Amino acid sequence: MKVVKFGGSSLASGQQLEKVLQILKDDKERRVVVVSAPGKRNERDTKVTDLLISCGEKVLAGKDPGEEVAQVIARYADIARELDLSSDIITQIKQDFLELLDGNKENAHSFMEAVKASGEDNNAKLVAAFLTARGLKAVYVNPQEAGLIVTDEPGNAQVLPESYDRLQLLREYEDIVVFPGFFGYSKSGDVVTFSRSGSDITGAIVANGVKASVYENFTDVDAVYTVNPTIVSKPKEISMLTYREMRELSYAGFSVFHAEALIPAYRAGIPVHVKNTNNPLVPGTKIAAQRSNDNGPVVGIANDKGFCSIYISKYLMNKEIGFARRILSILEEYGISYEHMPSGIDDLTIILRQDQLIHIDEGELLARIKEELNAEEAVIEHDLSLIMVVGEGMRHNVGTTSRAAKALAEAGVNIEMINQGSSEVSMMFGVKEQFAKKAVKALYEEFFQ
């Protein structure tokens, strides 16, 4: 049994759904289909999820959401019309959506969660109706019915362990199961969503639950590339990745696959296969526990912006017990989480997402750090980009860091910070955002050209 997930671009129109139909016909082992909400049909288009968020916010503000409601229903109706489907399915979707908007709004968070999740939920109903109309027996299964129970953390739900045993019952369905992605249900019965792009997470959870032979993730690119194609023209494709390599790359900006989605598949030892809905015969990228390291030390380069650093200097810091704990306690009081914390004997740098400081008095934060820790210096450096050089092969190759640093130096890029984990699967460079693209190009030329 294979679990197949289709992203928003793969389900944006009737033409795309025809491709989905053929993909399912081509392999009878594809028995569970996890779907996203309809995505953009073109650059000027709006994702259904964005329309739903705008709609929900209007309802909570006491404004008329009529325009957004009409746009949401029209997206499903356009797809149904392209596919010559009965109007019954659109009538059902419209009725369900209007009932949701008229429902209980006492808890604004719960209401918005249900509204956001309706994009995937209604699309699953539409896809099931389409497959059935074209001769593939399919059934829509709601996550609550299937037993997908998650923590009550809106926008950041985590699957509860008991879900996996319940989801195993999906194997007993004779028809193709069409399952909405992006959300589950709390123990109290409320809809709770995963983080954005969470349909990838749903697919991995379901694959784990049904003990799938493979989890296929269909998107709109032929493969995972060695570097962002918007930075480097026609970069090389990656045929094989390990779970750890993909997670590092996803964390640092690769948007093809959600970073958290690998965890359920990894724990169950289920290989993941990234493929293109528009070109399903190409090999794509396989993600598994191990691979042969015959392609050099580096498999991919990723970058992400929007970081800053807090640099703290104090003589004999390394002798002071509890120093780092006290710094982190101060950050915790401000509700700030950190990403990385490279250190020396007399200094420490804390890397964090810059948007966490928007509503914080930075002067007050630095003054507290200096005063409470008797630090000699405390400085915030803004607008950093983190560049991740990733590859399991780095642990077996001498001089990879030297090659990377030399390439950046020759490109005229100053390294603000460097960090390498003990696993040696990745090394990270911090550079000013304005030099990030130049840095990525230099590293790509060094390791792939």
Protein backbone atom coordinates (compact mmCIF):
# COMPACT_ATOMS: atom_id res chain seq x y z
CA MET A 1 0.00 0.00 0.00
CA LYS A 2 1.23 3.48 -0.92
CA VAL A 3 0.09 6.76 0.60
CA VAL A 4 0.05 9.59 -1.94
CA LYS A 5 -0.14 13.29 -1.09
CA PHE A 6 -1.01 15.95 -3.67
CA GLY A 7 -0.15 19.59 -3.03
CA GLY A 8 -2.25 22.65 -3.79
CA SER A 9 -0.78 23.24 -7.26
CA SER A 10 -1.63 19.64 -8.18
CA LEU A 11 -5.28 20.23 -7.30
CA ALA A 12 -5.79 23.82 -8.48
CA SER A 13 -7.94 23.02 -11.53
CA GLY A 14 -9.88 20.34 -13.33
CA GLN A 15 -6.96 19.85 -15.72
CA GLN A 16 -4.70 19.07 -12.76
CA LEU A 17 -7.18 16.61 -11.27
CA GLU A 18 -7.20 14.71 -14.57
CA LYS A 19 -3.46 14.18 -14.04
CA VAL A 20 -4.12 12.97 -10.50
CA LEU A 21 -6.64 10.47 -11.85
CA GLN A 22 -4.10 9.04 -14.29
CA ILE A 23 -1.42 8.80 -11.59
CA LEU A 24 -3.76 6.75 -9.42
CA LYS A 25 -4.77 4.55 -12.36
CA ASP A 26 -1.11 3.86 -13.15
CA ASP A 27 -0.42 2.21 -9.79
CA LYS A 28 -3.08 0.22 -7.96
CA GLU A 29 -0.99 0.27 -4.76
CA ARG A 30 -1.85 3.97 -4.37
CA ARG A 31 -4.71 3.36 -1.94
CA VAL A 32 -4.71 6.42 0.32
CA VAL A 33 -4.76 9.94 -1.15
CA VAL A 34 -4.05 12.94 1.10
CA VAL A 35 -5.09 16.27 -0.42
CA SER A 36 -4.30 19.93 0.14
CA ALA A 37 -6.70 22.79 -0.52
CA PRO A 38 -6.72 24.11 -4.11
CA GLY A 39 -3.64 26.23 -4.75
CA LYS A 40 -2.85 28.94 -7.27
CA ARG A 41 -3.77 28.43 -10.92
CA ASN A 42 -1.43 31.24 -11.97
CA GLU A 43 0.78 33.92 -10.41
CA ARG A 44 -2.11 36.38 -10.00
CA ASP A 45 -4.36 33.81 -8.33
CA THR A 46 -5.06 33.45 -4.60
CA LYS A 47 -4.77 30.21 -2.64
CA VAL A 48 -8.05 28.97 -1.18
CA THR A 49 -6.48 28.88 2.31
CA ASP A 50 -5.69 32.61 2.07
CA LEU A 51 -9.29 33.32 1.03
CA LEU A 52 -10.53 31.30 4.00
CA ILE A 53 -8.36 33.22 6.46
CA SER A 54 -9.68 36.53 5.11
CA CYS A 55 -13.23 35.16 5.29
CA GLY A 56 -12.89 33.99 8.89
CA GLU A 57 -11.35 37.28 10.02
CA LYS A 58 -14.26 39.22 8.49
CA VAL A 59 -16.81 37.03 10.25
CA LEU A 60 -15.11 37.52 13.62
CA ALA A 61 -14.95 41.29 13.00
CA GLY A 62 -18.71 41.36 12.35
CA LYS A 63 -18.25 42.25 8.68
CA ASP A 64 -19.98 40.73 5.66
CA PRO A 65 -17.79 37.93 4.22
CA GLY A 66 -19.97 37.58 1.12
CA GLU A 67 -17.24 38.37 -1.40
CA GLU A 68 -14.80 35.85 0.09
CA VAL A 69 -17.51 33.19 0.46
CA ALA A 70 -18.43 33.60 -3.20
CA GLN A 71 -14.75 33.31 -4.23
CA VAL A 72 -14.21 30.16 -2.16
CA ILE A 73 -17.29 28.40 -3.52
CA ALA A 74 -16.43 29.55 -7.05
CA ARG A 75 -13.03 27.83 -6.87
CA TYR A 76 -14.63 24.45 -6.17
CA ALA A 77 -17.44 25.11 -8.66
CA ASP A 78 -14.95 25.95 -11.42
CA ILE A 79 -13.13 22.66 -10.85
CA ALA A 80 -16.39 20.70 -10.82
CA ARG A 81 -17.54 22.42 -14.01
CA GLU A 82 -14.26 21.63 -15.79
CA LEU A 83 -14.72 17.97 -14.85
CA ASP A 84 -18.43 17.83 -15.73
CA LEU A 85 -19.31 16.73 -12.20
CA SER A 86 -22.81 16.76 -10.80
CA SER A 87 -23.79 20.01 -9.04
CA ASP A 88 -24.66 17.94 -5.96
CA ILE A 89 -21.10 18.01 -4.66
CA ILE A 90 -20.90 21.82 -4.87
CA THR A 91 -24.27 22.10 -3.15
CA GLN A 92 -22.92 19.94 -0.32
CA ILE A 93 -19.67 21.96 -0.07
CA LYS A 94 -21.55 25.26 0.00
CA GLN A 95 -23.99 24.02 2.64
CA ASP A 96 -21.20 22.67 4.86
CA PHE A 97 -19.20 25.90 4.55
CA LEU A 98 -22.13 28.19 5.35
CA GLU A 99 -23.05 26.04 8.36
CA LEU A 100 -19.47 26.38 9.59
CA LEU A 101 -19.53 30.18 9.25
CA ASP A 102 -22.86 30.34 11.12
CA GLY A 103 -21.55 28.10 13.89
CA ASN A 104 -20.16 28.78 17.36
CA LYS A 105 -17.72 31.71 17.46
CA GLU A 106 -17.24 31.99 21.22
CA ASN A 107 -13.70 30.66 20.87
CA ALA A 108 -12.17 32.72 18.06
CA HIS A 109 -9.11 30.44 17.75
CA SER A 110 -11.22 27.30 17.36
CA PHE A 111 -13.47 29.01 14.83
CA MET A 112 -10.52 30.15 12.70
CA GLU A 113 -8.93 26.69 12.88
CA ALA A 114 -12.11 25.09 11.52
CA VAL A 115 -12.44 27.72 8.77
CA LYS A 116 -8.82 27.25 7.63
CA ALA A 117 -9.14 23.46 7.65
CA SER A 118 -12.31 23.55 5.53
CA GLY A 119 -10.17 24.14 2.42
CA GLU A 120 -8.65 20.67 2.61
CA ASP A 121 -11.81 19.07 3.98
CA ASN A 122 -14.05 20.26 1.15
CA ASN A 123 -11.41 19.47 -1.45
CA ALA A 124 -11.23 15.89 -0.21
CA LYS A 125 -15.00 15.58 -0.74
CA LEU A 126 -14.64 17.00 -4.26
CA VAL A 127 -11.72 14.71 -5.19
CA ALA A 128 -13.55 11.62 -3.89
CA ALA A 129 -16.63 12.53 -5.94
CA PHE A 130 -14.45 13.06 -9.04
CA LEU A 131 -12.60 9.75 -8.73
CA THR A 132 -15.85 7.86 -8.20
CA ALA A 133 -17.45 9.58 -11.23
CA ARG A 134 -14.48 8.42 -13.35
CA GLY A 135 -14.74 4.79 -12.32
CA LEU A 136 -12.29 4.64 -9.42
CA LYS A 137 -14.24 3.78 -6.30
CA ALA A 138 -13.22 6.34 -3.70
CA VAL A 139 -14.48 7.41 -0.30
CA TYR A 140 -13.93 10.62 1.67
CA VAL A 141 -12.76 9.91 5.23
CA ASN A 142 -12.75 12.66 7.85
CA PRO A 143 -9.71 12.75 10.21
CA GLN A 144 -11.96 12.50 13.27
CA GLU A 145 -13.63 9.39 11.89
CA ALA A 146 -10.20 7.92 11.14
CA GLY A 147 -8.90 8.69 14.64
CA LEU A 148 -6.30 11.37 13.90
CA ILE A 149 -6.04 12.93 17.38
CA VAL A 150 -3.64 15.83 17.97
CA THR A 151 -2.59 18.24 20.71
CA ASP A 152 -4.67 21.37 21.22
CA GLU A 153 -2.09 23.78 19.79
CA PRO A 154 -3.73 25.90 17.06
CA GLY A 155 -1.46 26.19 14.05
CA ASN A 156 1.12 23.87 15.57
CA ALA A 157 -0.70 20.61 16.33
CA GLN A 158 1.35 17.52 17.21
CA VAL A 159 0.04 14.03 16.56
CA LEU A 160 -0.74 11.92 19.63
CA PRO A 161 0.74 8.37 19.65
CA GLU A 162 -2.63 6.62 19.90
CA SER A 163 -3.55 7.99 16.46
CA TYR A 164 -1.29 5.53 14.66
CA ASP A 165 -3.13 2.41 15.85
CA ARG A 166 -6.48 3.95 14.87
CA LEU A 167 -5.26 5.02 11.44
CA GLN A 168 -4.18 1.45 10.70
CA LEU A 169 -7.87 0.64 10.19
CA LEU A 170 -7.72 2.62 6.93
CA ARG A 171 -6.09 -0.48 5.45
CA GLU A 172 -9.45 -2.24 5.66
CA TYR A 173 -11.19 0.09 3.18
CA GLU A 174 -11.76 -1.54 -0.19
CA ASP A 175 -12.17 1.83 -1.92
CA ILE A 176 -9.45 4.46 -2.38
CA VAL A 177 -9.41 6.62 0.75
CA VAL A 178 -9.37 10.38 0.14
CA PHE A 179 -8.14 12.08 3.29
CA PRO A 180 -7.93 15.84 3.93
CA GLY A 181 -4.52 17.11 4.99
CA PHE A 182 -3.46 19.93 7.33
CA PHE A 183 -5.58 19.16 10.40
CA GLY A 184 -6.66 16.69 13.04
CA TYR A 185 -8.95 16.80 16.08
CA SER A 186 -8.19 17.48 19.72
CA LYS A 187 -9.43 15.11 22.41
CA SER A 188 -12.27 17.56 23.06
CA GLY A 189 -13.38 17.26 19.42
CA ASP A 190 -12.12 20.60 18.08
CA VAL A 191 -10.39 21.01 14.72
CA VAL A 192 -6.69 21.84 15.18
CA THR A 193 -4.31 22.56 12.29
CA PHE A 194 -0.68 21.68 11.79
CA SER A 195 1.74 24.43 10.80
CA ARG A 196 1.26 25.95 7.33
CA SER A 197 1.89 23.45 4.50
CA GLY A 198 0.88 20.82 7.06
CA SER A 199 -0.67 18.46 4.51
CA ASP A 200 2.83 17.02 4.13
CA ILE A 201 2.68 16.20 7.84
CA THR A 202 -0.72 14.52 7.50
CA GLY A 203 0.58 12.37 4.65
CA ALA A 204 3.55 11.17 6.70
CA ILE A 205 1.34 10.46 9.75
CA VAL A 206 -1.11 8.43 7.66
CA ALA A 207 1.74 6.57 5.94
CA ASN A 208 3.08 5.64 9.38
CA GLY A 209 -0.37 4.57 10.58
CA VAL A 210 -1.17 2.27 7.65
CA LYS A 211 2.43 0.97 7.49
CA ALA A 212 2.76 2.09 3.87
CA SER A 213 5.52 0.70 1.67
CA VAL A 214 6.29 4.25 0.49
CA TYR A 215 4.97 7.78 0.99
CA GLU A 216 4.76 9.60 -2.36
CA ASN A 217 4.61 13.38 -2.21
CA PHE A 218 3.48 14.89 -5.51
CA THR A 219 4.28 18.53 -6.14
CA ASP A 220 5.04 20.80 -9.13
CA VAL A 221 8.80 20.23 -9.57
CA ASP A 222 10.69 17.26 -11.04
CA ALA A 223 12.85 16.74 -7.97
CA VAL A 224 14.50 18.35 -4.99
CA TYR A 225 17.28 20.53 -6.36
CA THR A 226 20.78 21.03 -4.96
CA VAL A 227 20.03 24.75 -4.53
CA ASN A 228 17.14 27.20 -4.93
CA PRO A 229 16.41 27.48 -8.72
CA THR A 230 15.56 31.17 -8.30
CA ILE A 231 19.18 31.81 -7.23
CA VAL A 232 21.05 29.42 -9.52
CA SER A 233 19.71 28.75 -13.01
CA LYS A 234 19.03 25.07 -13.79
CA PRO A 235 20.70 23.57 -10.72
CA LYS A 236 21.42 19.86 -10.49
CA GLU A 237 18.70 17.53 -9.23
CA ILE A 238 19.14 15.33 -6.17
CA SER A 239 18.21 11.71 -6.83
CA MET A 240 18.67 10.45 -3.24
CA LEU A 241 18.68 12.06 0.21
CA THR A 242 18.72 10.81 3.78
CA TYR A 243 16.03 11.89 6.25
CA ARG A 244 18.56 14.00 8.14
CA GLU A 245 19.79 15.74 5.01
CA MET A 246 16.25 16.60 3.92
CA ARG A 247 15.30 17.88 7.35
CA GLU A 248 18.37 20.15 7.48
CA LEU A 249 17.61 21.50 4.00
CA SER A 250 13.91 22.01 4.79
CA TYR A 251 14.75 23.88 7.98
CA ALA A 252 17.08 26.21 6.09
CA GLY A 253 14.63 27.20 3.36
CA PHE A 254 13.89 24.30 1.00
CA SER A 255 10.14 24.65 0.46
CA VAL A 256 9.56 21.45 -1.54
CA PHE A 257 8.92 19.39 1.57
CA HIS A 258 7.77 20.45 5.04
CA ALA A 259 10.54 20.05 7.64
CA GLU A 260 8.31 18.37 10.26
CA ALA A 261 6.76 15.96 7.78
CA LEU A 262 9.75 13.63 7.77
CA ILE A 263 9.49 12.69 11.44
CA PRO A 264 6.53 10.22 11.27
CA ALA A 265 7.95 8.60 8.12
CA TYR A 266 11.44 8.44 9.60
CA ARG A 267 10.21 6.78 12.81
CA ALA A 268 8.41 4.10 10.83
CA GLY A 269 11.27 3.64 8.36
CA ILE A 270 9.03 4.52 5.41
CA PRO A 271 10.86 5.88 2.35
CA VAL A 272 9.55 9.18 0.96
CA HIS A 273 9.42 9.84 -2.78
CA VAL A 274 9.04 13.41 -4.08
CA LYS A 275 7.56 13.44 -7.60
CA ASN A 276 6.03 15.85 -10.10
CA THR A 277 2.30 15.69 -10.85
CA ASN A 278 2.95 17.37 -14.20
CA ASN A 279 5.75 14.97 -15.13
CA PRO A 280 5.13 11.76 -13.15
CA LEU A 281 7.45 9.52 -15.19
CA VAL A 282 10.65 11.30 -14.11
CA PRO A 283 12.48 9.59 -11.22
CA GLY A 284 12.05 12.41 -8.68
CA THR A 285 13.92 12.40 -5.36
CA LYS A 286 13.92 9.51 -2.89
CA ILE A 287 14.42 10.11 0.84
CA ALA A 288 15.48 7.17 3.01
CA ALA A 289 17.51 6.31 6.09
CA GLN A 290 20.75 5.74 4.20
CA ARG A 291 22.32 6.41 0.81
CA SER A 292 25.66 5.85 -0.88
CA ASN A 293 27.95 8.87 -0.51
CA ASP A 294 29.33 8.78 -4.03
CA ASN A 295 28.43 12.32 -5.08
CA GLY A 296 30.98 14.27 -3.03
CA PRO A 297 30.70 15.74 0.46
CA VAL A 298 27.78 18.10 -0.19
CA VAL A 299 24.28 17.14 -1.36
CA GLY A 300 22.54 20.51 -1.13
CA ILE A 301 22.80 24.18 -0.15
CA ALA A 302 19.92 26.08 1.42
CA ASN A 303 19.46 29.58 2.77
CA ASP A 304 16.85 31.40 4.80
CA LYS A 305 16.64 35.05 5.82
CA GLY A 306 15.03 36.90 8.70
CA PHE A 307 17.52 36.12 11.47
CA CYS A 308 19.44 38.24 13.94
CA SER A 309 22.10 37.56 16.55
CA ILE A 310 22.67 38.62 20.15
CA TYR A 311 26.41 38.76 20.80
CA ILE A 312 27.49 38.67 24.47
CA SER A 313 31.06 39.02 25.67
CA LYS A 314 32.39 38.47 29.19
CA TYR A 315 35.93 37.64 30.31
CA LEU A 316 36.17 34.13 31.88
CA MET A 317 32.63 33.27 30.76
CA ASN A 318 33.66 29.62 30.44
CA LYS A 319 34.38 29.47 34.19
CA GLU A 320 30.98 30.77 35.21
CA ILE A 321 28.52 27.98 36.03
CA GLY A 322 24.98 28.56 34.73
CA PHE A 323 25.84 31.51 32.47
CA ALA A 324 23.99 30.21 29.38
CA ARG A 325 21.02 29.13 31.49
CA ARG A 326 20.63 32.64 32.91
CA ILE A 327 20.71 34.19 29.43
CA LEU A 328 18.07 31.77 28.18
CA SER A 329 15.94 32.50 31.26
CA ILE A 330 15.92 36.18 30.34
CA LEU A 331 14.91 35.35 26.76
CA GLU A 332 12.20 33.02 28.07
CA GLU A 333 10.68 35.89 30.06
CA TYR A 334 10.34 37.82 26.79
CA GLY A 335 8.84 34.79 25.01
CA ILE A 336 11.89 34.43 22.74
CA SER A 337 13.13 31.06 21.44
CA TYR A 338 16.57 30.62 19.91
CA GLU A 339 17.78 28.67 16.89
CA HIS A 340 21.53 28.29 17.45
CA MET A 341 24.06 29.19 20.14
CA PRO A 342 27.71 28.98 19.03
CA SER A 343 30.19 30.04 21.72
CA GLY A 344 33.82 30.70 22.58
CA ILE A 345 35.56 30.84 25.96
CA ASP A 346 34.69 34.51 26.53
CA ASP A 347 31.77 35.11 24.19
CA LEU A 348 28.46 33.67 23.13
CA THR A 349 26.22 34.30 20.11
CA ILE A 350 22.52 33.51 20.13
CA ILE A 351 20.86 33.21 16.72
CA LEU A 352 17.09 33.78 16.62
CA ARG A 353 14.25 34.67 14.29
CA GLN A 354 14.24 38.45 13.96
CA ASP A 355 10.45 38.82 13.96
CA GLN A 356 10.41 37.82 17.63
CA LEU A 357 11.88 41.23 18.49
CA ILE A 358 9.22 43.33 16.74
CA HIS A 359 7.30 44.12 19.92
CA ILE A 360 10.28 44.07 22.28
CA ASP A 361 12.35 46.99 23.53
CA GLU A 362 15.80 45.87 22.36
CA GLY A 363 17.57 48.46 24.50
CA GLU A 364 15.84 47.15 27.60
CA LEU A 365 16.70 43.54 26.68
CA LEU A 366 20.38 44.33 26.18
CA ALA A 367 20.51 46.38 29.38
CA ARG A 368 19.11 43.44 31.36
CA ILE A 369 21.64 41.04 29.86
CA LYS A 370 24.56 43.35 30.68
CA GLU A 371 23.31 44.16 34.17
CA GLU A 372 22.16 40.72 35.34
CA LEU A 373 25.13 38.86 33.84
CA ASN A 374 27.75 41.57 34.34
CA ALA A 375 28.55 41.25 30.65
CA GLU A 376 31.12 43.58 29.14
CA GLU A 377 29.31 43.76 25.81
CA ALA A 378 25.88 42.87 24.45
CA VAL A 379 25.00 43.73 20.87
CA ILE A 380 22.16 42.78 18.48
CA GLU A 381 23.12 42.27 14.83
CA HIS A 382 20.12 42.47 12.46
CA ASP A 383 19.30 41.16 8.98
CA LEU A 384 21.26 37.95 8.87
CA SER A 385 20.78 35.10 6.43
CA LEU A 386 21.68 31.55 7.39
CA ILE A 387 23.25 29.38 4.70
CA MET A 388 23.26 25.64 5.31
CA VAL A 389 25.70 23.35 3.49
CA VAL A 390 24.37 19.81 3.91
CA GLY A 391 25.70 16.33 3.20
CA GLU A 392 26.25 13.06 5.03
CA GLY A 393 29.49 12.77 3.06
CA MET A 394 31.08 15.67 4.94
CA ARG A 395 32.01 13.43 7.85
CA HIS A 396 34.15 11.31 5.53
CA ASN A 397 35.83 14.19 3.69
CA VAL A 398 38.66 16.37 4.97
CA GLY A 399 38.69 20.08 4.11
CA THR A 400 35.00 20.73 3.32
CA THR A 401 34.81 23.70 5.70
CA SER A 402 38.02 25.09 4.25
CA ARG A 403 36.64 24.84 0.70
CA ALA A 404 33.42 26.60 1.72
CA ALA A 405 35.19 29.42 3.57
CA LYS A 406 37.63 29.92 0.68
CA ALA A 407 34.75 30.12 -1.83
CA LEU A 408 33.00 32.77 0.26
CA ALA A 409 36.20 34.75 0.73
CA GLU A 410 36.92 34.75 -3.02
CA ALA A 411 33.36 36.00 -3.62
CA GLY A 412 33.94 38.87 -1.20
CA VAL A 413 31.40 37.62 1.34
CA ASN A 414 32.23 38.18 5.01
CA ILE A 415 31.25 35.34 7.36
CA GLU A 416 29.47 36.76 10.40
CA MET A 417 29.15 33.39 12.13
CA ILE A 418 29.96 29.74 11.49
CA ASN A 419 28.59 26.66 13.23
CA GLN A 420 28.91 22.92 12.60
CA GLY A 421 26.96 20.28 14.46
CA SER A 422 28.72 17.29 16.01
CA SER A 423 26.89 15.00 13.58
CA GLU A 424 28.79 16.69 10.71
CA VAL A 425 25.73 16.42 8.47
CA SER A 426 25.64 20.19 8.00
CA MET A 427 27.57 23.37 8.54
CA MET A 428 26.00 26.78 8.79
CA PHE A 429 27.25 30.20 7.81
CA GLY A 430 25.69 33.47 8.90
CA VAL A 431 26.07 36.33 6.41
CA LYS A 432 24.40 39.68 5.89
CA GLU A 433 21.16 39.27 3.92
CA GLN A 434 22.42 41.53 1.13
CA PHE A 435 25.22 39.04 0.37
CA ALA A 436 23.18 35.82 0.71
CA LYS A 437 22.57 35.15 -3.00
CA LYS A 438 26.21 35.84 -3.86
CA ALA A 439 27.25 33.43 -1.10
CA VAL A 440 24.93 30.65 -2.28
CA LYS A 441 26.16 30.99 -5.88
CA ALA A 442 29.78 30.83 -4.74
CA LEU A 443 29.17 27.68 -2.70
CA TYR A 444 27.23 26.04 -5.54
CA GLU A 445 30.10 26.69 -7.97
CA GLU A 446 32.60 25.26 -5.47
CA PHE A 447 30.77 22.00 -4.74
CA PHE A 448 28.73 21.31 -7.87
CA GLN A 449 30.56 22.88 -10.80
